[in-house]
């Protein structure tokens, strides 16, 4: 049977979709964060890795289609870290970010938060973010455990301080009506999470700034380590971490403040939490692929923008680096 026209010829290590456009990156990352990959068995993963290894060594069994090879690569990219070659723990994979992160988002957006509940939910959120950032970092250079702990403490402290501080200010704002105060209070998680996310990425990956990250030539060979490329990688990742929570923490409070005024929900209050959860799940599920698609994971940079020793080590005009997710 002929191969479907929509399926491009397989290229090992290359994205299936063109990464020069936002749409191409969006289609690529929708594959990477596909929650169905969380249920891939160890046997299936080994089959995919063997299939890709056979392709690499020219020993591919007859009858294997391009779509099968793309599917094998999708599974590998969703589960295996591109730098370490090791499995990423399930809750910290990008495919597990929405399923495991949604309960925390729901908790952050619950109305009438106390100082204690705010601290608990912000701590849980930044703990999850710290582990996701660490698991999906650029791992071409080893990161000491002490750096991870410093980043973790810094991110949690910043998130809790901002969230608690804003909540205290709102509670003291006597001029605001109770309804306005509640809406504003529901929006508090966004500035707290966005600023903490920047701290989280910067602190969790600070080692890359001092050590540099590997940059690759057109053939995938390591040209050298670049601190400038590391700065670009962390800046791009931090920007996506600011964009990501914007719809997640802004849209649900606005939507819920409208829905809660409906007569049906006023007479069926027990439905508020399930509807709130569904709204959070949908916005989170839509926001994640759009945010991480702003930049390609394997980004390129002109050699002329990097350190002189990098320029002297290659004839290429552009080099590639793993931005991380």
Protein backbone atom coordinates (compact mmCIF):
# COMPACT_ATOMS: atom_id res chain seq x y z
CA UNK A 1 0.00 0.00 0.00
CA UNK A 2 1.31 3.45 -0.90
CA UNK A 3 2.53 5.73 1.86
CA UNK A 4 0.06 8.60 2.64
CA UNK A 5 0.97 11.78 0.78
CA UNK A 6 0.86 13.80 4.02
CA UNK A 7 3.67 11.75 5.58
CA UNK A 8 7.11 13.18 4.73
CA UNK A 9 10.18 11.00 4.26
CA UNK A 10 11.69 10.09 7.62
CA UNK A 11 14.89 11.83 8.77
CA UNK A 12 16.53 10.55 11.94
CA UNK A 13 16.88 13.22 14.61
CA UNK A 14 15.03 15.79 12.50
CA UNK A 15 11.57 17.14 13.42
CA UNK A 16 8.71 15.83 11.30
CA UNK A 17 7.36 19.34 10.86
CA UNK A 18 9.24 22.37 9.59
CA UNK A 19 10.57 24.37 12.57
CA UNK A 20 10.96 27.71 10.82
CA UNK A 21 7.30 28.60 11.37
CA UNK A 22 5.15 28.80 14.49
CA UNK A 23 2.61 26.36 13.01
CA UNK A 24 5.32 23.80 12.29
CA UNK A 25 6.68 24.08 15.83
CA UNK A 26 3.15 23.86 17.23
CA UNK A 27 2.49 20.60 15.38
CA UNK A 28 5.87 19.28 16.58
CA UNK A 29 5.23 20.09 20.25
CA UNK A 30 1.66 18.77 20.15
CA UNK A 31 3.37 15.44 19.38
CA UNK A 32 5.94 15.88 22.16
CA UNK A 33 3.32 16.66 24.85
CA UNK A 34 0.84 14.01 23.71
CA UNK A 35 -0.38 12.50 27.04
CA UNK A 36 -0.88 9.10 25.38
CA UNK A 37 2.93 8.67 25.44
CA UNK A 38 2.68 8.43 29.24
CA UNK A 39 1.13 4.99 28.77
CA UNK A 40 3.84 3.61 26.47
CA UNK A 41 5.16 0.35 27.95
CA UNK A 42 8.84 -0.43 28.47
CA UNK A 43 8.57 -3.11 25.76
CA UNK A 44 7.10 -0.64 23.26
CA UNK A 45 9.79 1.94 24.08
CA UNK A 46 12.54 -0.64 23.49
CA UNK A 47 10.93 -1.58 20.17
CA UNK A 48 10.94 2.08 19.09
CA UNK A 49 14.57 2.58 20.14
CA UNK A 50 15.61 -0.59 18.29
CA UNK A 51 13.75 0.50 15.17
CA UNK A 52 15.53 3.86 15.17
CA UNK A 53 18.87 2.18 15.84
CA UNK A 54 18.28 -0.23 12.93
CA UNK A 55 17.51 2.73 10.69
CA UNK A 56 20.70 4.49 11.81
CA UNK A 57 22.84 1.45 10.94
CA UNK A 58 21.04 0.67 7.69
CA UNK A 59 19.56 -2.58 9.01
CA UNK A 60 15.88 -1.61 8.85
CA UNK A 61 13.52 -4.61 8.44
CA UNK A 62 11.57 -4.63 5.16
CA UNK A 63 8.09 -3.14 5.16
CA UNK A 64 8.71 -0.45 7.81
CA UNK A 65 6.93 2.75 6.75
CA UNK A 66 7.91 6.37 7.28
CA UNK A 67 4.89 6.87 9.56
CA UNK A 68 6.09 4.01 11.81
CA UNK A 69 9.54 5.61 12.03
CA UNK A 70 8.05 9.04 12.84
CA UNK A 71 5.89 7.44 15.54
CA UNK A 72 8.95 5.70 17.02
CA UNK A 73 10.86 8.97 17.09
CA UNK A 74 7.88 10.78 18.66
CA UNK A 75 7.80 8.24 21.50
CA UNK A 76 11.56 8.50 22.01
CA UNK A 77 11.48 12.32 22.10
CA UNK A 78 8.57 12.34 24.56
CA UNK A 79 10.27 9.95 27.01
CA UNK A 80 14.06 10.12 26.54
CA UNK A 81 16.18 13.19 27.36
CA UNK A 82 18.03 14.30 24.18
CA UNK A 83 21.31 14.99 26.03
CA UNK A 84 21.51 12.24 28.66
CA UNK A 85 19.73 9.47 26.74
CA UNK A 86 17.91 8.55 29.97
CA UNK A 87 14.18 8.25 30.66
CA UNK A 88 12.56 11.35 32.15
CA UNK A 89 10.46 10.57 35.23
CA UNK A 90 6.80 10.51 34.11
CA UNK A 91 5.40 13.48 36.14
CA UNK A 92 8.25 15.70 34.91
CA UNK A 93 7.95 14.98 31.18
CA UNK A 94 6.39 17.70 29.05
CA UNK A 95 3.69 15.15 28.14
CA UNK A 96 2.89 14.91 31.86
CA UNK A 97 2.94 18.66 32.52
CA UNK A 98 -0.80 19.18 31.95
CA UNK A 99 -2.13 15.94 33.58
CA UNK A 100 0.05 16.33 36.69
CA UNK A 101 -0.01 20.14 36.81
CA UNK A 102 -3.76 20.76 36.40
CA UNK A 103 -4.72 19.78 40.00
CA UNK A 104 -2.16 22.34 41.25
CA UNK A 105 -3.54 25.04 38.92
CA UNK A 106 -7.06 24.33 40.21
CA UNK A 107 -5.78 24.71 43.77
CA UNK A 108 -4.05 28.00 42.98
CA UNK A 109 -7.24 29.42 41.48
CA UNK A 110 -9.63 28.39 44.26
CA UNK A 111 -11.47 31.43 45.70
CA UNK A 112 -11.13 32.72 49.28
CA UNK A 113 -7.53 31.57 49.75
CA UNK A 114 -6.00 31.85 53.22
CA UNK A 115 -2.33 32.67 53.76
CA UNK A 116 -1.64 29.00 54.60
CA UNK A 117 -3.43 27.64 51.51
CA UNK A 118 -1.64 30.21 49.31
CA UNK A 119 1.74 29.09 50.68
CA UNK A 120 0.90 25.39 50.18
CA UNK A 121 -0.32 25.74 46.58
CA UNK A 122 2.54 28.05 45.55
CA UNK A 123 5.03 25.63 47.12
CA UNK A 124 3.49 22.66 45.26
CA UNK A 125 3.45 24.60 41.97
CA UNK A 126 7.07 25.73 42.15
CA UNK A 127 8.20 22.28 43.34
CA UNK A 128 6.60 20.75 40.23
CA UNK A 129 8.02 23.50 37.99
CA UNK A 130 11.51 23.08 39.46
CA UNK A 131 11.48 19.35 38.76
CA UNK A 132 10.14 19.88 35.21
CA UNK A 133 12.79 22.56 34.51
CA UNK A 134 15.56 20.33 35.84
CA UNK A 135 14.33 17.21 34.00
CA UNK A 136 14.09 19.09 30.67
CA UNK A 137 17.22 21.23 31.01
CA UNK A 138 20.17 21.31 28.63
CA UNK A 139 22.24 18.51 30.18
CA UNK A 140 25.40 18.71 28.08
CA UNK A 141 27.19 19.80 31.27
CA UNK A 142 26.68 18.19 34.71
CA UNK A 143 24.69 20.21 37.26
CA UNK A 144 25.63 19.84 40.97
CA UNK A 145 22.80 18.95 43.35
CA UNK A 146 23.62 22.08 45.37
CA UNK A 147 22.69 24.26 42.35
CA UNK A 148 19.35 22.44 42.05
CA UNK A 149 18.59 23.03 45.74
CA UNK A 150 19.56 26.72 45.53
CA UNK A 151 17.27 27.21 42.55
CA UNK A 152 14.44 25.33 44.22
CA UNK A 153 14.60 27.38 47.44
CA UNK A 154 14.87 30.65 45.49
CA UNK A 155 11.88 29.87 43.27
CA UNK A 156 9.62 28.77 46.13
CA UNK A 157 10.60 31.77 48.27
CA UNK A 158 9.90 34.27 45.47
CA UNK A 159 6.53 32.72 44.57
CA UNK A 160 5.28 32.52 48.15
CA UNK A 161 6.52 36.04 49.04
CA UNK A 162 4.84 37.70 46.04
CA UNK A 163 1.56 35.77 46.37
CA UNK A 164 1.22 36.33 50.14
CA UNK A 165 2.24 39.99 49.82
CA UNK A 166 -0.35 40.70 47.12
CA UNK A 167 -3.09 38.88 49.06
CA UNK A 168 -2.37 40.94 52.19
CA UNK A 169 -2.49 44.18 50.16
CA UNK A 170 -5.83 43.22 48.59
CA UNK A 171 -7.36 42.32 51.96
CA UNK A 172 -6.35 45.75 53.28
CA UNK A 173 -7.88 47.55 50.28
CA UNK A 174 -11.10 48.62 52.00
CA UNK A 175 -12.27 50.74 49.06
CA UNK A 176 -12.81 47.67 46.87
CA UNK A 177 -16.20 45.98 46.85
CA UNK A 178 -16.22 42.29 47.97
CA UNK A 179 -16.94 41.14 44.39
CA UNK A 180 -14.07 43.21 42.92
CA UNK A 181 -11.75 42.08 45.69
CA UNK A 182 -12.56 38.43 44.94
CA UNK A 183 -11.88 38.82 41.19
CA UNK A 184 -8.56 40.60 41.84
CA UNK A 185 -7.63 38.02 44.46
CA UNK A 186 -8.20 35.27 41.91
CA UNK A 187 -5.78 37.03 39.54
CA UNK A 188 -2.99 37.15 42.17
CA UNK A 189 -1.50 33.76 41.16
CA UNK A 190 -0.46 35.08 37.72
CA UNK A 191 2.10 37.75 38.76
CA UNK A 192 3.31 35.46 41.54
CA UNK A 193 3.75 32.45 39.26
CA UNK A 194 5.14 34.41 36.28
CA UNK A 195 7.85 36.14 38.32
CA UNK A 196 8.65 32.95 40.23
CA UNK A 197 8.90 31.03 36.95
CA UNK A 198 11.61 33.44 35.76
CA UNK A 199 13.49 32.90 39.03
CA UNK A 200 12.90 29.16 38.77
CA UNK A 201 14.37 28.82 35.27
CA UNK A 202 17.24 31.21 35.99
CA UNK A 203 18.20 29.59 39.29
CA UNK A 204 17.63 25.98 38.24
CA UNK A 205 19.79 26.46 35.13
CA UNK A 206 22.29 28.98 36.48
CA UNK A 207 25.08 26.44 36.09
CA UNK A 208 24.71 26.67 32.30
CA UNK A 209 25.61 30.37 32.43
CA UNK A 210 28.90 29.68 34.18
CA UNK A 211 29.79 26.44 32.37
CA UNK A 212 28.26 27.10 28.94
CA UNK A 213 26.32 24.63 26.78
CA UNK A 214 27.46 22.58 23.81
CA UNK A 215 26.87 24.01 20.35
CA UNK A 216 26.75 21.72 17.31
CA UNK A 217 27.76 22.15 13.68
CA UNK A 218 25.72 21.08 10.63
CA UNK A 219 26.81 17.45 11.10
CA UNK A 220 25.82 17.32 14.76
CA UNK A 221 29.41 17.46 16.01
CA UNK A 222 30.20 19.46 19.17
CA UNK A 223 32.07 22.64 18.24
CA UNK A 224 32.57 23.85 21.81
CA UNK A 225 30.82 25.24 24.90
CA UNK A 226 29.23 28.66 24.75
CA UNK A 227 28.04 30.84 27.63
CA UNK A 228 26.38 33.20 25.14
CA UNK A 229 24.29 30.34 23.71
CA UNK A 230 23.41 29.36 27.29
CA UNK A 231 22.17 32.91 27.95
CA UNK A 232 19.99 32.76 24.82
CA UNK A 233 18.63 29.33 25.81
CA UNK A 234 17.68 30.42 29.33
CA UNK A 235 16.17 33.73 28.16
CA UNK A 236 13.98 31.97 25.60
CA UNK A 237 12.86 29.35 28.13
CA UNK A 238 12.11 31.99 30.79
CA UNK A 239 10.02 33.97 28.29
CA UNK A 240 7.89 30.91 27.52
CA UNK A 241 7.41 30.40 31.26
CA UNK A 242 5.94 33.90 31.51
CA UNK A 243 3.65 33.44 28.50
CA UNK A 244 2.50 29.97 29.63
CA UNK A 245 0.64 30.97 32.84
CA UNK A 246 -0.93 34.07 31.28
CA UNK A 247 -4.07 32.40 29.86
CA UNK A 248 -4.06 29.72 32.58
CA UNK A 249 -4.28 32.17 35.49
CA UNK A 250 -6.17 35.01 33.79
CA UNK A 251 -8.94 33.36 31.72
CA UNK A 252 -10.40 30.88 34.29
CA UNK A 253 -11.04 33.57 36.97
CA UNK A 254 -12.76 35.80 34.39
CA UNK A 255 -14.81 32.89 32.98
CA UNK A 256 -15.75 31.59 36.43
CA UNK A 257 -16.77 35.04 37.73
CA UNK A 258 -19.29 35.13 34.85
CA UNK A 259 -20.48 31.51 35.20
CA UNK A 260 -21.00 31.84 38.96
CA UNK A 261 -23.67 34.49 38.31
CA UNK A 262 -25.76 32.07 36.25
CA UNK A 263 -28.96 31.03 38.00
CA UNK A 264 -28.36 27.35 37.20
CA UNK A 265 -25.00 27.27 38.96
CA UNK A 266 -26.26 29.37 41.87
CA UNK A 267 -28.81 26.65 42.57
CA UNK A 268 -26.28 23.83 41.89
CA UNK A 269 -23.16 24.98 43.75
CA UNK A 270 -21.68 21.46 43.80
CA UNK A 271 -21.08 21.77 40.03
CA UNK A 272 -18.77 24.79 40.44
CA UNK A 273 -15.63 22.76 41.26
CA UNK A 274 -16.02 20.28 38.32
CA UNK A 275 -16.68 23.17 35.89
CA UNK A 276 -13.78 25.15 37.35
CA UNK A 277 -11.54 22.09 36.91
CA UNK A 278 -12.65 21.62 33.30
CA UNK A 279 -12.00 25.29 32.46
CA UNK A 280 -8.50 25.03 33.99
CA UNK A 281 -7.75 21.79 32.12
CA UNK A 282 -8.81 23.23 28.75
CA UNK A 283 -6.86 26.49 29.13
CA UNK A 284 -3.78 24.64 30.41
CA UNK A 285 -3.98 22.10 27.56
CA UNK A 286 -4.20 24.87 24.94
CA UNK A 287 -1.61 27.17 26.53
CA UNK A 288 1.25 24.69 26.90
CA UNK A 289 1.85 23.80 23.22
CA UNK A 290 1.39 27.43 22.14
CA UNK A 291 3.87 28.75 24.73
CA UNK A 292 6.65 26.22 24.09
CA UNK A 293 6.19 26.66 20.31
CA UNK A 294 7.40 30.27 20.47
CA UNK A 295 10.98 28.99 19.96
CA UNK A 296 12.34 25.74 18.48
CA UNK A 297 13.83 23.33 21.02
CA UNK A 298 16.96 22.93 18.88
CA UNK A 299 17.66 26.62 18.28
CA UNK A 300 20.23 28.12 15.94
CA UNK A 301 22.52 31.08 16.42
CA UNK A 302 25.06 32.80 14.19
CA UNK A 303 28.67 31.88 14.95
CA UNK A 304 29.59 35.58 14.71
CA UNK A 305 27.44 36.23 17.81
CA UNK A 306 29.35 33.68 19.91
CA UNK A 307 32.75 33.55 21.58
CA UNK A 308 35.82 33.93 19.30
CA UNK A 309 37.03 30.40 20.08
CA UNK A 310 33.76 28.98 18.74
CA UNK A 311 34.18 30.92 15.47
CA UNK A 312 37.74 29.63 15.13
CA UNK A 313 36.66 26.01 15.66
CA UNK A 314 34.18 25.78 12.76
CA UNK A 315 33.55 26.96 9.22
CA UNK A 316 29.78 26.93 9.75
CA UNK A 317 27.93 30.26 9.84
CA UNK A 318 25.20 28.87 12.12
CA UNK A 319 25.45 26.44 15.03
CA UNK A 320 22.70 24.61 16.93
CA UNK A 321 22.05 24.24 20.66
CA UNK A 322 19.42 22.49 22.78
CA UNK A 323 17.34 25.28 24.31
CA UNK A 324 15.63 22.91 26.73
CA UNK A 325 11.91 23.02 27.44
